[in-house]
Amino acid sequence: MSAGSLIMTMTALTGTYLADDPSMSTLPLAIQFVGMMCAAVPASLFMGKVGRKIGFSVGFFIGFLSAGLATWGIFEGSFWLFSAGSFGLGITNSFGQYLRFAATEVVEAQHRPQAISYVMAGGIIAAFLGPWLATQTKDYFEPVLFAGGFASLTLVYIAAIFVVCLVRFRNDVPHEDHHGPARPLSEIAKQPAFITAVLAAAMGYGVMSFVMTATPLAMVGCGLEFKDAAFVIQWHVVGMFLPSFFTGKLIKKYGVLRIIFIGTLLNVACMAFALSGLDLMNFWFALVALGVGWNFMFIGGSSLLTQCYRETERSKVQAVNDLIVFSVVAIGSFSSGAIQNAMGWDWVNMVIGLPLLLALLSVIWLGIQQKNMKMMTGS
């Protein structure tokens, strides 16, 4: 997560530094999300065959190599070499996303939302370490800007591999060792809960990445400094992960649909703050609301998804979920820079209205389905 927040802080600006066309500046970040999308299914199936420990170790080693490639691209002044490194970093992030599901596999069903929350709470460290590394290392190889930040990622991924090697994953056996019936994916995907879970996670993550990608460009374009952008991104990441200490408990107490609903409304608040002005605090309030909204929608969607599959179905269901989520994220990231450069910050924020409406409708629909089911069963 620390690597991820550093990447979010620096990639768009590095793209501006390397690209001949300003509209291409967010392409490397979009390519990173394409890497996440492309690796979503292979990463899940690979861990289903070899187990979590080997799977995560391989994923983080890919990150080590990719960070080195991105650094080399910056030194060479090669936009496309840097983009290739970004694609590899996306593959690593795809592996890392399965940490939240790995946590649910070692606890009882009623504790799964809290397990996901506590894993995501690790982002609190990321909120400070990632942007701090970005600001401290940006000029390390001056006059070659930003190379130091991506070079520091190699050390972060080595540390991650070391941690994974120390952890003993309970029940870390290949998925194929679990025996029992497995339903066809088409049958699983017809469940209202599955549809709502995927939509909540996809719309929450897609909206977050869409707005967040454009934020550093919008802030610098408004005359604010890089340190201001790093400050806003830092607190955005705090908003993303600080609620994780209690999101699981809130889900357990109030229900997952209410938490997803509140998360969607927080993203609407982000729109309101962003459209009300271009001062530093407008960006700050908008990005903090965006972060908390993402937390509620993504953790809520992930928790709801765990109710939709059996043990023998987990790899394929998790794979399809993350494939859809990061496909939406990739599309948003590709379009974010172009919309920011062509139409401006206001349009970046107005565009997110439709996906948020879709998420709200899906939550209401599932709530009605569940209410009708309770009435039919008399419970």
Protein backbone atom coordinates (compact mmCIF):
# COMPACT_ATOMS: atom_id res chain seq x y z
CA MET A 1 0.00 0.00 0.00
CA SER A 2 2.92 2.38 0.66
CA ALA A 3 4.21 1.59 -2.81
CA GLY A 4 0.74 2.23 -4.19
CA SER A 5 0.37 5.65 -2.57
CA LEU A 6 3.82 6.68 -3.83
CA ILE A 7 2.86 5.55 -7.33
CA MET A 8 -0.39 7.52 -7.15
CA THR A 9 1.45 10.64 -6.00
CA MET A 10 4.20 10.57 -8.63
CA THR A 11 3.09 8.71 -11.75
CA ALA A 12 0.92 11.37 -13.41
CA LEU A 13 3.53 14.07 -12.79
CA THR A 14 6.29 11.75 -14.04
CA GLY A 15 4.19 11.18 -17.14
CA THR A 16 4.00 14.96 -17.64
CA TYR A 17 7.79 15.13 -17.23
CA LEU A 18 8.40 12.44 -19.86
CA ALA A 19 5.52 12.88 -22.33
CA ASP A 20 5.68 15.16 -25.36
CA ASP A 21 1.89 15.57 -25.30
CA PRO A 22 0.37 16.74 -21.97
CA SER A 23 -2.80 14.73 -22.65
CA MET A 24 -0.65 11.57 -22.39
CA SER A 25 0.51 12.39 -18.86
CA THR A 26 -1.88 10.01 -17.08
CA LEU A 27 -1.36 7.17 -19.59
CA PRO A 28 1.31 5.38 -17.45
CA LEU A 29 -1.06 5.37 -14.47
CA ALA A 30 -3.86 4.09 -16.69
CA ILE A 31 -1.50 1.40 -18.01
CA GLN A 32 -0.82 0.40 -14.42
CA PHE A 33 -4.53 -0.23 -13.93
CA VAL A 34 -4.56 -2.20 -17.19
CA GLY A 35 -1.82 -4.35 -15.65
CA MET A 36 -4.02 -4.86 -12.58
CA MET A 37 -6.94 -5.79 -14.82
CA CYS A 38 -4.91 -8.23 -16.94
CA ALA A 39 -3.41 -9.95 -13.90
CA ALA A 40 -6.63 -10.21 -11.87
CA VAL A 41 -7.64 -13.63 -13.17
CA PRO A 42 -4.14 -15.19 -13.59
CA ALA A 43 -3.05 -14.00 -10.11
CA SER A 44 -6.07 -15.55 -8.39
CA LEU A 45 -5.84 -18.84 -10.31
CA PHE A 46 -2.07 -18.99 -9.74
CA MET A 47 -2.52 -18.65 -5.98
CA GLY A 48 -5.26 -21.24 -6.19
CA LYS A 49 -2.62 -23.67 -7.49
CA VAL A 50 0.46 -22.77 -5.42
CA GLY A 51 -1.00 -21.16 -2.26
CA ARG A 52 -0.91 -17.63 -0.89
CA LYS A 53 2.70 -17.47 0.37
CA ILE A 54 4.32 -18.37 -2.97
CA GLY A 55 1.75 -16.32 -4.87
CA PHE A 56 2.37 -13.11 -2.92
CA SER A 57 6.15 -13.61 -3.04
CA VAL A 58 6.09 -13.96 -6.83
CA GLY A 59 3.82 -10.94 -7.15
CA PHE A 60 6.07 -8.68 -5.07
CA PHE A 61 9.17 -9.87 -6.95
CA ILE A 62 7.49 -8.74 -10.18
CA GLY A 63 7.08 -5.36 -8.46
CA PHE A 64 10.80 -5.25 -7.63
CA LEU A 65 11.70 -5.85 -11.29
CA SER A 66 9.07 -3.42 -12.58
CA ALA A 67 10.16 -0.59 -10.26
CA GLY A 68 13.68 -1.04 -11.60
CA LEU A 69 12.37 -0.89 -15.18
CA ALA A 70 10.39 2.29 -14.46
CA THR A 71 13.46 3.91 -12.91
CA TRP A 72 15.54 2.98 -15.94
CA GLY A 73 12.88 4.50 -18.20
CA ILE A 74 13.05 7.81 -16.30
CA PHE A 75 16.85 7.92 -16.59
CA GLU A 76 16.59 7.20 -20.32
CA GLY A 77 13.87 9.81 -20.73
CA SER A 78 11.71 7.10 -22.29
CA PHE A 79 7.98 7.55 -21.76
CA TRP A 80 7.21 4.09 -23.12
CA LEU A 81 9.85 2.29 -21.04
CA PHE A 82 8.44 4.00 -17.97
CA SER A 83 4.95 2.92 -19.06
CA ALA A 84 6.15 -0.69 -19.40
CA GLY A 85 7.39 -0.53 -15.81
CA SER A 86 4.03 0.88 -14.76
CA PHE A 87 2.29 -2.10 -16.37
CA GLY A 88 4.42 -4.46 -14.25
CA LEU A 89 3.65 -2.45 -11.10
CA GLY A 90 -0.02 -2.93 -11.92
CA ILE A 91 0.50 -6.70 -12.02
CA THR A 92 2.03 -6.52 -8.55
CA ASN A 93 -0.85 -4.44 -7.24
CA SER A 94 -3.25 -7.05 -8.58
CA PHE A 95 -1.52 -9.73 -6.49
CA GLY A 96 -1.60 -7.42 -3.46
CA GLN A 97 -5.35 -6.90 -3.73
CA TYR A 98 -5.89 -10.55 -2.76
CA LEU A 99 -4.43 -9.90 0.69
CA ARG A 100 -7.93 -8.80 1.76
CA PHE A 101 -9.43 -12.11 0.70
CA ALA A 102 -6.56 -14.11 2.22
CA ALA A 103 -7.48 -12.60 5.59
CA THR A 104 -11.08 -13.82 5.32
CA GLU A 105 -9.92 -17.40 4.78
CA VAL A 106 -8.56 -17.79 8.31
CA VAL A 107 -11.53 -16.45 10.30
CA GLU A 108 -15.14 -17.44 10.88
CA ALA A 109 -17.73 -16.02 8.48
CA GLN A 110 -19.07 -13.43 10.94
CA HIS A 111 -15.61 -11.90 11.31
CA ARG A 112 -14.83 -11.53 7.59
CA PRO A 113 -15.75 -7.82 7.31
CA GLN A 114 -13.45 -7.02 10.26
CA ALA A 115 -10.65 -9.12 8.77
CA ILE A 116 -10.87 -7.17 5.51
CA SER A 117 -10.99 -3.90 7.45
CA TYR A 118 -7.91 -4.68 9.52
CA VAL A 119 -5.91 -5.63 6.42
CA MET A 120 -6.95 -2.39 4.72
CA ALA A 121 -6.01 -0.47 7.87
CA GLY A 122 -2.39 -1.07 6.92
CA GLY A 123 -2.94 1.81 4.52
CA ILE A 124 -2.59 4.24 7.43
CA ILE A 125 1.17 3.66 7.28
CA ALA A 126 0.94 4.00 3.51
CA ALA A 127 -0.80 7.37 3.84
CA PHE A 128 2.33 8.85 5.37
CA LEU A 129 5.16 6.65 4.12
CA GLY A 130 4.25 6.75 0.41
CA PRO A 131 3.93 10.55 -0.03
CA TRP A 132 6.87 11.09 2.35
CA LEU A 133 9.05 8.83 0.19
CA ALA A 134 7.80 10.70 -2.89
CA THR A 135 8.78 14.13 -1.57
CA GLN A 136 12.08 12.94 -0.04
CA THR A 137 13.31 11.07 -3.11
CA LYS A 138 11.84 13.10 -6.00
CA ASP A 139 15.08 15.06 -6.53
CA TYR A 140 17.50 12.38 -5.30
CA PHE A 141 19.02 11.91 -8.76
CA GLU A 142 18.70 15.55 -9.81
CA PRO A 143 18.54 16.77 -12.57
CA VAL A 144 16.64 13.54 -13.38
CA LEU A 145 13.36 14.17 -11.57
CA PHE A 146 11.22 11.43 -9.99
CA ALA A 147 13.75 8.61 -10.57
CA GLY A 148 14.56 8.43 -6.86
CA GLY A 149 10.95 7.73 -5.94
CA PHE A 150 10.63 4.72 -8.22
CA ALA A 151 14.08 3.46 -7.23
CA SER A 152 12.93 3.47 -3.60
CA LEU A 153 10.08 1.14 -4.59
CA THR A 154 12.57 -1.68 -5.16
CA LEU A 155 13.40 -1.56 -1.44
CA VAL A 156 9.73 -1.44 -0.48
CA TYR A 157 8.99 -4.61 -2.47
CA ILE A 158 12.02 -6.41 -1.01
CA ALA A 159 10.65 -5.57 2.45
CA ALA A 160 7.23 -6.93 1.42
CA ILE A 161 8.77 -10.23 0.25
CA PHE A 162 10.64 -10.49 3.55
CA VAL A 163 7.41 -10.00 5.53
CA VAL A 164 5.54 -12.60 3.44
CA CYS A 165 8.33 -15.12 4.01
CA LEU A 166 8.00 -14.63 7.80
CA VAL A 167 4.23 -15.11 7.84
CA ARG A 168 2.72 -18.55 8.28
CA PHE A 169 -0.55 -18.56 6.39
CA ARG A 170 -3.07 -20.82 8.07
CA ASN A 171 -4.80 -23.27 5.72
CA ASP A 172 -2.48 -22.17 2.90
CA VAL A 173 -3.24 -25.09 0.60
CA PRO A 174 -3.87 -25.00 -3.14
CA HIS A 175 -7.48 -24.38 -4.09
CA GLU A 176 -7.57 -27.67 -5.97
CA ASP A 177 -7.09 -29.50 -2.66
CA HIS A 178 -10.55 -28.37 -1.53
CA HIS A 179 -13.12 -30.96 -2.52
CA GLY A 180 -16.82 -30.37 -2.93
CA PRO A 181 -19.42 -29.16 -5.42
CA ALA A 182 -18.83 -25.92 -7.33
CA ARG A 183 -21.57 -24.07 -9.18
CA PRO A 184 -21.10 -22.66 -12.70
CA LEU A 185 -19.93 -19.05 -12.73
CA SER A 186 -23.05 -18.03 -14.65
CA GLU A 187 -25.22 -19.26 -11.78
CA ILE A 188 -23.16 -17.41 -9.17
CA ALA A 189 -23.22 -14.18 -11.21
CA LYS A 190 -27.04 -14.14 -11.30
CA GLN A 191 -27.24 -13.57 -7.54
CA PRO A 192 -28.46 -10.04 -6.67
CA ALA A 193 -25.86 -9.93 -3.90
CA PHE A 194 -23.05 -10.73 -6.37
CA ILE A 195 -24.20 -8.01 -8.77
CA THR A 196 -24.42 -5.41 -6.00
CA ALA A 197 -21.07 -6.44 -4.50
CA VAL A 198 -19.29 -6.09 -7.83
CA LEU A 199 -21.00 -2.80 -8.68
CA ALA A 200 -20.19 -1.30 -5.27
CA ALA A 201 -16.52 -2.21 -5.48
CA ALA A 202 -16.18 -1.31 -9.18
CA MET A 203 -17.99 2.04 -9.00
CA GLY A 204 -16.30 2.98 -5.71
CA TYR A 205 -12.82 2.14 -6.93
CA GLY A 206 -13.42 3.50 -10.43
CA VAL A 207 -14.70 6.87 -9.21
CA MET A 208 -11.88 7.14 -6.68
CA SER A 209 -9.11 6.45 -9.22
CA PHE A 210 -10.77 8.69 -11.84
CA VAL A 211 -10.86 11.75 -9.57
CA MET A 212 -7.62 11.02 -7.72
CA THR A 213 -5.62 10.57 -10.96
CA ALA A 214 -6.59 14.03 -12.16
CA THR A 215 -6.12 15.76 -8.80
CA PRO A 216 -2.33 16.42 -8.90
CA LEU A 217 -2.66 17.74 -12.46
CA ALA A 218 -5.57 19.99 -11.52
CA MET A 219 -3.79 21.33 -8.45
CA VAL A 220 -0.53 22.11 -10.25
CA GLY A 221 -2.57 23.61 -13.10
CA CYS A 222 -4.27 25.93 -10.58
CA GLY A 223 -0.89 27.25 -9.44
CA LEU A 224 -0.54 25.08 -6.33
CA GLU A 225 2.80 23.39 -5.65
CA PHE A 226 3.84 19.71 -5.78
CA LYS A 227 4.05 19.64 -1.98
CA ASP A 228 0.41 20.77 -1.85
CA ALA A 229 -0.59 17.92 -4.16
CA ALA A 230 1.40 15.46 -2.03
CA PHE A 231 -0.32 16.83 1.10
CA VAL A 232 -3.80 16.34 -0.40
CA ILE A 233 -2.99 12.85 -1.69
CA GLN A 234 -1.58 11.97 1.73
CA TRP A 235 -4.81 12.91 3.49
CA HIS A 236 -6.82 11.25 0.74
CA VAL A 237 -5.01 8.01 1.58
CA VAL A 238 -5.70 8.63 5.29
CA GLY A 239 -9.37 8.94 4.38
CA MET A 240 -9.12 5.69 2.42
CA PHE A 241 -7.65 3.61 5.22
CA LEU A 242 -8.24 5.20 8.66
CA PRO A 243 -11.92 4.14 8.69
CA SER A 244 -10.76 0.55 8.24
CA PHE A 245 -10.32 0.27 12.00
CA PHE A 246 -14.09 0.46 12.42
CA THR A 247 -15.65 -0.21 8.98
CA GLY A 248 -15.96 -3.93 9.72
CA LYS A 249 -17.67 -3.24 13.05
CA LEU A 250 -20.02 -0.77 11.36
CA ILE A 251 -20.92 -3.40 8.77
CA LYS A 252 -21.58 -5.94 11.52
CA LYS A 253 -23.76 -3.49 13.47
CA TYR A 254 -25.68 -1.69 10.72
CA GLY A 255 -25.44 -4.04 7.75
CA VAL A 256 -23.29 -3.97 4.66
CA LEU A 257 -25.86 -2.26 2.43
CA ARG A 258 -26.17 0.78 4.71
CA ILE A 259 -22.38 1.21 4.74
CA ILE A 260 -22.15 0.98 0.93
CA PHE A 261 -25.02 3.51 0.69
CA ILE A 262 -23.23 5.97 3.01
CA GLY A 263 -20.00 5.49 1.04
CA THR A 264 -21.81 6.43 -2.16
CA LEU A 265 -23.21 9.58 -0.54
CA LEU A 266 -19.70 10.55 0.60
CA ASN A 267 -18.56 10.38 -3.01
CA VAL A 268 -21.42 12.71 -3.90
CA ALA A 269 -20.08 15.05 -1.18
CA CYS A 270 -16.70 14.87 -2.92
CA MET A 271 -18.37 16.19 -6.07
CA ALA A 272 -19.90 19.07 -4.13
CA PHE A 273 -16.63 20.10 -2.47
CA ALA A 274 -14.67 19.89 -5.73
CA LEU A 275 -17.20 21.92 -7.70
CA SER A 276 -17.41 24.67 -5.07
CA GLY A 277 -13.91 26.12 -5.60
CA LEU A 278 -10.24 25.66 -6.44
CA ASP A 279 -8.59 26.52 -3.10
CA LEU A 280 -6.34 24.04 -1.35
CA MET A 281 -9.04 23.20 1.20
CA ASN A 282 -11.59 22.49 -1.54
CA PHE A 283 -9.24 19.81 -2.87
CA TRP A 284 -8.54 18.59 0.67
CA PHE A 285 -12.20 18.18 1.68
CA ALA A 286 -13.08 16.59 -1.68
CA LEU A 287 -10.27 14.04 -1.59
CA VAL A 288 -10.84 13.09 2.07
CA ALA A 289 -14.55 12.49 1.35
CA LEU A 290 -13.53 10.53 -1.74
CA GLY A 291 -11.18 8.37 0.35
CA VAL A 292 -13.74 7.53 3.04
CA GLY A 293 -16.38 6.88 0.39
CA TRP A 294 -14.02 4.46 -1.36
CA ASN A 295 -13.36 2.69 1.93
CA PHE A 296 -17.03 2.08 2.66
CA MET A 297 -17.88 1.03 -0.91
CA PHE A 298 -14.82 -1.17 -1.51
CA ILE A 299 -14.75 -2.92 1.87
CA GLY A 300 -18.52 -3.19 1.80
CA GLY A 301 -18.50 -4.70 -1.69
CA SER A 302 -15.66 -7.10 -0.81
CA SER A 303 -17.46 -8.21 2.35
CA LEU A 304 -20.70 -8.77 0.46
CA LEU A 305 -18.85 -10.80 -2.17
CA THR A 306 -17.65 -13.31 0.45
CA GLN A 307 -21.31 -14.24 1.03
CA CYS A 308 -21.73 -15.23 -2.63
CA TYR A 309 -19.36 -18.21 -3.04
CA ARG A 310 -18.35 -21.53 -1.53
CA GLU A 311 -14.78 -22.52 -0.67
CA THR A 312 -14.44 -24.44 -3.93
CA GLU A 313 -15.57 -21.38 -5.91
CA ARG A 314 -13.43 -18.70 -4.29
CA SER A 315 -10.61 -18.41 -6.86
CA LYS A 316 -12.83 -17.92 -9.90
CA VAL A 317 -15.31 -15.63 -8.15
CA GLN A 318 -12.58 -13.42 -6.66
CA ALA A 319 -10.86 -13.37 -10.06
CA VAL A 320 -14.00 -12.26 -11.92
CA ASN A 321 -14.75 -9.63 -9.29
CA ASP A 322 -11.29 -8.07 -9.49
CA LEU A 323 -11.25 -8.33 -13.30
CA ILE A 324 -14.45 -6.27 -13.48
CA VAL A 325 -13.33 -3.82 -10.78
CA PHE A 326 -9.97 -3.06 -12.37
CA SER A 327 -11.40 -2.97 -15.88
CA VAL A 328 -13.60 -0.10 -14.68
CA VAL A 329 -10.61 1.49 -12.93
CA ALA A 330 -8.49 1.23 -16.09
CA ILE A 331 -11.18 2.86 -18.23
CA GLY A 332 -11.52 5.67 -15.69
CA SER A 333 -7.79 6.24 -15.50
CA PHE A 334 -7.41 6.33 -19.28
CA SER A 335 -10.12 8.95 -19.62
CA SER A 336 -9.24 11.01 -16.53
CA GLY A 337 -6.20 12.81 -17.93
CA ALA A 338 -7.84 13.47 -21.27
CA ILE A 339 -10.96 14.96 -19.65
CA GLN A 340 -8.85 17.04 -17.24
CA ASN A 341 -6.72 18.47 -20.08
CA ALA A 342 -9.56 18.95 -22.57
CA MET A 343 -12.50 19.99 -20.37
CA GLY A 344 -11.14 20.84 -16.92
CA TRP A 345 -11.57 19.85 -13.28
CA ASP A 346 -15.30 20.58 -13.09
CA TRP A 347 -16.06 18.01 -15.78
CA VAL A 348 -13.87 15.42 -14.06
CA ASN A 349 -16.20 15.68 -11.07
CA MET A 350 -19.49 15.92 -12.95
CA VAL A 351 -18.75 12.73 -14.90
CA ILE A 352 -18.80 10.58 -11.74
CA GLY A 353 -22.49 11.28 -11.12
CA LEU A 354 -23.75 8.46 -13.35
CA PRO A 355 -21.68 5.60 -11.86
CA LEU A 356 -22.59 6.76 -8.35
CA LEU A 357 -26.27 6.72 -9.29
CA LEU A 358 -25.84 3.18 -10.63
CA ALA A 359 -24.29 2.08 -7.32
CA LEU A 360 -27.09 3.68 -5.31
CA LEU A 361 -29.76 1.97 -7.40
CA SER A 362 -28.09 -1.43 -7.03
CA VAL A 363 -28.01 -1.10 -3.22
CA ILE A 364 -31.69 -0.08 -3.13
CA TRP A 365 -32.56 -2.99 -5.45
CA LEU A 366 -30.79 -5.56 -3.27
CA GLY A 367 -32.37 -4.07 -0.15
CA ILE A 368 -35.82 -4.55 -1.67
CA GLN A 369 -34.90 -8.12 -2.71
CA GLN A 370 -33.78 -8.97 0.82
CA LYS A 371 -36.86 -7.36 2.40
CA ASN A 372 -39.17 -9.35 0.12
CA MET A 373 -37.26 -12.54 0.93
CA LYS A 374 -37.72 -11.95 4.67
CA MET A 375 -41.41 -11.33 4.19
CA MET A 376 -41.76 -14.56 2.22
CA THR A 377 -39.96 -16.61 4.86
CA GLY A 378 -41.73 -14.84 7.70
CA SER A 379 -38.45 -13.96 9.45
